[in-house]
Amino acid sequence: MQAERLMLSGNLTMATVTALYKTGLQLLSDGDLLVDMAKVVSVDSAAVSMLLAWSRAAQANKHSLQVANIPADLLSLANLYGVAQMLPQ
């Protein structure tokens, strides 16, 4: 079974992640998910939280979550919060 692909773009901030979060949860309840962040312009801490929550949902549903092209600013925030190693790769 091939993973569903979710292309993210634009700003991943507190103002925008709620709808994306729900979409990701739905996709993860159905199967494996590959998230591509190549077109993401900016992020805040909400993006880090969203990825961590998706990771927990994937584990709970026994599905895999992979994230490609994680932006440097997201990795920087994750390192600042001490959770970079918890992000799906």
C-alpha atoms as a PDB file:
ATOM      1  CA  MET A   1       0.000   0.000   0.000  1.00  0.00           C
ATOM      2  CA  GLN A   2       1.385   3.378  -1.004  1.00  0.00           C
ATOM      3  CA  ALA A   3       1.315   6.287   1.429  1.00  0.00           C
ATOM      4  CA  GLU A   4      -1.062   9.158   0.827  1.00  0.00           C
ATOM      5  CA  ARG A   5       0.850  12.344  -0.072  1.00  0.00           C
ATOM      6  CA  LEU A   6      -0.032  15.683   1.511  1.00  0.00           C
ATOM      7  CA  MET A   7       1.630  18.755  -0.006  1.00  0.00           C
ATOM      8  CA  LEU A   8       1.805  21.689   2.399  1.00  0.00           C
ATOM      9  CA  SER A   9       2.374  25.241   1.205  1.00  0.00           C
ATOM     10  CA  GLY A  10       2.264  28.812   2.403  1.00  0.00           C
ATOM     11  CA  ASN A  11       2.299  29.733   6.077  1.00  0.00           C
ATOM     12  CA  LEU A  12       1.985  27.107   8.807  1.00  0.00           C
ATOM     13  CA  THR A  13       0.995  29.245  11.761  1.00  0.00           C
ATOM     14  CA  MET A  14      -1.583  29.273  14.531  1.00  0.00           C
ATOM     15  CA  ALA A  15      -3.968  30.914  12.074  1.00  0.00           C
ATOM     16  CA  THR A  16      -3.689  28.133   9.493  1.00  0.00           C
ATOM     17  CA  VAL A  17      -2.818  24.794  11.096  1.00  0.00           C
ATOM     18  CA  THR A  18      -6.221  23.866  12.535  1.00  0.00           C
ATOM     19  CA  ALA A  19      -7.721  22.785   9.203  1.00  0.00           C
ATOM     20  CA  LEU A  20      -4.479  21.108   8.132  1.00  0.00           C
ATOM     21  CA  TYR A  21      -4.270  19.294  11.450  1.00  0.00           C
ATOM     22  CA  LYS A  22      -7.728  17.791  10.948  1.00  0.00           C
ATOM     23  CA  THR A  23      -6.892  16.781   7.381  1.00  0.00           C
ATOM     24  CA  GLY A  24      -3.737  15.031   8.527  1.00  0.00           C
ATOM     25  CA  LEU A  25      -5.589  13.177  11.279  1.00  0.00           C
ATOM     26  CA  GLN A  26      -8.157  11.934   8.791  1.00  0.00           C
ATOM     27  CA  LEU A  27      -5.493  10.748   6.367  1.00  0.00           C
ATOM     28  CA  LEU A  28      -3.587   9.012   9.173  1.00  0.00           C
ATOM     29  CA  SER A  29      -6.704   7.204  10.325  1.00  0.00           C
ATOM     30  CA  ASP A  30      -6.959   5.692   6.833  1.00  0.00           C
ATOM     31  CA  GLY A  31      -3.305   4.767   6.204  1.00  0.00           C
ATOM     32  CA  ASP A  32       0.307   5.855   5.881  1.00  0.00           C
ATOM     33  CA  LEU A  33       1.076   9.498   5.135  1.00  0.00           C
ATOM     34  CA  LEU A  34       3.922  11.335   3.429  1.00  0.00           C
ATOM     35  CA  VAL A  35       3.919  15.080   4.126  1.00  0.00           C
ATOM     36  CA  ASP A  36       5.922  17.269   1.739  1.00  0.00           C
ATOM     37  CA  MET A  37       6.815  20.703   3.113  1.00  0.00           C
ATOM     38  CA  ALA A  38       8.799  21.937   0.096  1.00  0.00           C
ATOM     39  CA  LYS A  39       6.426  24.846  -0.554  1.00  0.00           C
ATOM     40  CA  VAL A  40       6.062  26.028   3.035  1.00  0.00           C
ATOM     41  CA  VAL A  41       6.968  29.703   3.343  1.00  0.00           C
ATOM     42  CA  SER A  42       6.933  30.308   7.106  1.00  0.00           C
ATOM     43  CA  VAL A  43       6.190  28.460  10.336  1.00  0.00           C
ATOM     44  CA  ASP A  44       5.636  29.094  14.004  1.00  0.00           C
ATOM     45  CA  SER A  45       5.400  26.799  17.014  1.00  0.00           C
ATOM     46  CA  ALA A  46       1.973  25.577  15.869  1.00  0.00           C
ATOM     47  CA  ALA A  47       3.630  23.769  12.950  1.00  0.00           C
ATOM     48  CA  VAL A  48       5.936  21.904  15.338  1.00  0.00           C
ATOM     49  CA  SER A  49       2.971  20.954  17.510  1.00  0.00           C
ATOM     50  CA  MET A  50       1.008  19.766  14.492  1.00  0.00           C
ATOM     51  CA  LEU A  51       3.799  17.455  13.338  1.00  0.00           C
ATOM     52  CA  LEU A  52       4.232  16.008  16.818  1.00  0.00           C
ATOM     53  CA  ALA A  53       0.482  15.417  17.133  1.00  0.00           C
ATOM     54  CA  TRP A  54       0.402  13.740  13.715  1.00  0.00           C
ATOM     55  CA  SER A  55       3.294  11.545  14.809  1.00  0.00           C
ATOM     56  CA  ARG A  56       1.343  10.432  17.892  1.00  0.00           C
ATOM     57  CA  ALA A  57      -1.750   9.784  15.758  1.00  0.00           C
ATOM     58  CA  ALA A  58       0.272   7.708  13.291  1.00  0.00           C
ATOM     59  CA  GLN A  59       1.648   5.588  16.129  1.00  0.00           C
ATOM     60  CA  ALA A  60      -1.805   5.161  17.678  1.00  0.00           C
ATOM     61  CA  ASN A  61      -3.250   4.059  14.317  1.00  0.00           C
ATOM     62  CA  LYS A  62      -0.225   1.861  13.550  1.00  0.00           C
ATOM     63  CA  HIS A  63       0.526   3.829  10.385  1.00  0.00           C
ATOM     64  CA  SER A  64       3.730   5.498   9.263  1.00  0.00           C
ATOM     65  CA  LEU A  65       4.274   9.221   8.939  1.00  0.00           C
ATOM     66  CA  GLN A  66       7.133  10.621   6.891  1.00  0.00           C
ATOM     67  CA  VAL A  67       7.917  14.289   6.412  1.00  0.00           C
ATOM     68  CA  ALA A  68      10.016  15.511   3.496  1.00  0.00           C
ATOM     69  CA  ASN A  69      11.637  18.896   2.981  1.00  0.00           C
ATOM     70  CA  ILE A  70      11.258  20.142   6.545  1.00  0.00           C
ATOM     71  CA  PRO A  71      12.032  23.888   6.508  1.00  0.00           C
ATOM     72  CA  ALA A  72      15.136  25.039   8.365  1.00  0.00           C
ATOM     73  CA  ASP A  73      13.124  27.437  10.525  1.00  0.00           C
ATOM     74  CA  LEU A  74      10.882  24.579  11.684  1.00  0.00           C
ATOM     75  CA  LEU A  75      13.930  22.501  12.594  1.00  0.00           C
ATOM     76  CA  SER A  76      15.370  25.497  14.420  1.00  0.00           C
ATOM     77  CA  LEU A  77      12.194  25.855  16.499  1.00  0.00           C
ATOM     78  CA  ALA A  78      12.129  22.122  17.215  1.00  0.00           C
ATOM     79  CA  ASN A  79      15.756  22.273  18.375  1.00  0.00           C
ATOM     80  CA  LEU A  80      14.979  25.276  20.564  1.00  0.00           C
ATOM     81  CA  TYR A  81      12.125  23.340  22.224  1.00  0.00           C
ATOM     82  CA  GLY A  82      14.233  20.183  22.525  1.00  0.00           C
ATOM     83  CA  VAL A  83      11.904  18.071  20.378  1.00  0.00           C
ATOM     84  CA  ALA A  84      13.774  17.859  17.065  1.00  0.00           C
ATOM     85  CA  GLN A  85      14.557  14.182  17.577  1.00  0.00           C
ATOM     86  CA  MET A  86      10.820  13.506  17.945  1.00  0.00           C
ATOM     87  CA  LEU A  87       9.923  14.897  14.514  1.00  0.00           C
ATOM     88  CA  PRO A  88       9.117  12.295  11.867  1.00  0.00           C
ATOM     89  CA  GLN A  89      11.692  12.167   9.084  1.00  0.00           C
END
